[in-house]
Amino acid sequence: MLKDALVKQGDWLFRWRSYVPLLIAPLVVYEFGRYTPFLGSACWNAVLEIVCFAVAYFGLAIRAHVVGHAPAGTSGRITKSQKASEVNTTGMYALCRNPLYLGNYFMMVGVLLFLHSIATLVVFTMFFWLYYERIILREEDFLHGEFGEDYVHWGDRTPVVIPRFSGWTPPALSFSWRAVLRREYSGFFAVIAAMTLFKLIGVYVTEGEADLSLAWRVVFLSGLIIYLALRTLKKKTRQLHEAGR
């Protein structure tokens, strides 16, 4: 059956979902090969860079809201196997069934906006849909088996990805900054690292030298310091751990 084949594909993509997005790397390389500054203006380029960060961190804010209200054993970054201690149905999960993937989309779009290419965004959106469609099918197959009709009833009234705001229900748990800092610090720095790399390549392509302004260096180094500090707290201490989260 087609569904079974798609579920098997989703199982493979789920395990390797940290690396599969690298398949769009050739498109990124191609776009940099014909990269030009936005409208040829340093001011407009600065505005675009701010927009890129705003879109990317809007996606991270969605993820932070989800993770900050999620109980332990749910909404994780596991890739080896499916795992869920319960079905989240409140907060962002009352608006759509896959808010973390919605957040991922905006984070990636924010970074790709740097290329000034509508075609790239269209291709990426198609890739994103085909890719996550299969992962979602695999997850839904697992969750249906785990939670039965309770999951089906929630799924019937909740969209897959595009939010339906009329369905909002307040989160069941209070917000936990510790959970967010523990689980999303890598995404926070990944945006800065990717944007810095793109900026460095863009400068090299247009000016023939790999150099960054003082502002960019400050942003990158600040992000790196925050990343290393949070990683150390997570790995070496219990400061970011909270019971039940």
Foldseek 3Di string as FASTA:
>chain_A
DVLVVLLVVLLVCLLVVVPVVCVCVVVVVVLLLVADQDVNDPVVSVVLLVQLVVQLVVLLVLLLQDQQLDWPFPSASDRNDDTHPDQFCADVNLFAVCSNLLSVLSNVVSLVVNSVDPVSNVVVVVVSCSSVVSNVSNNLVVVCVVPPPVSVVSNVNHHHHHTDVVRHHHRPGDGAPLSSLQGCLVSQLVSLVSNLVSVQSNCCSVPVHRDDDPVSVVSNVVSVVSSVVSVCCNPPHCPSPDPRD
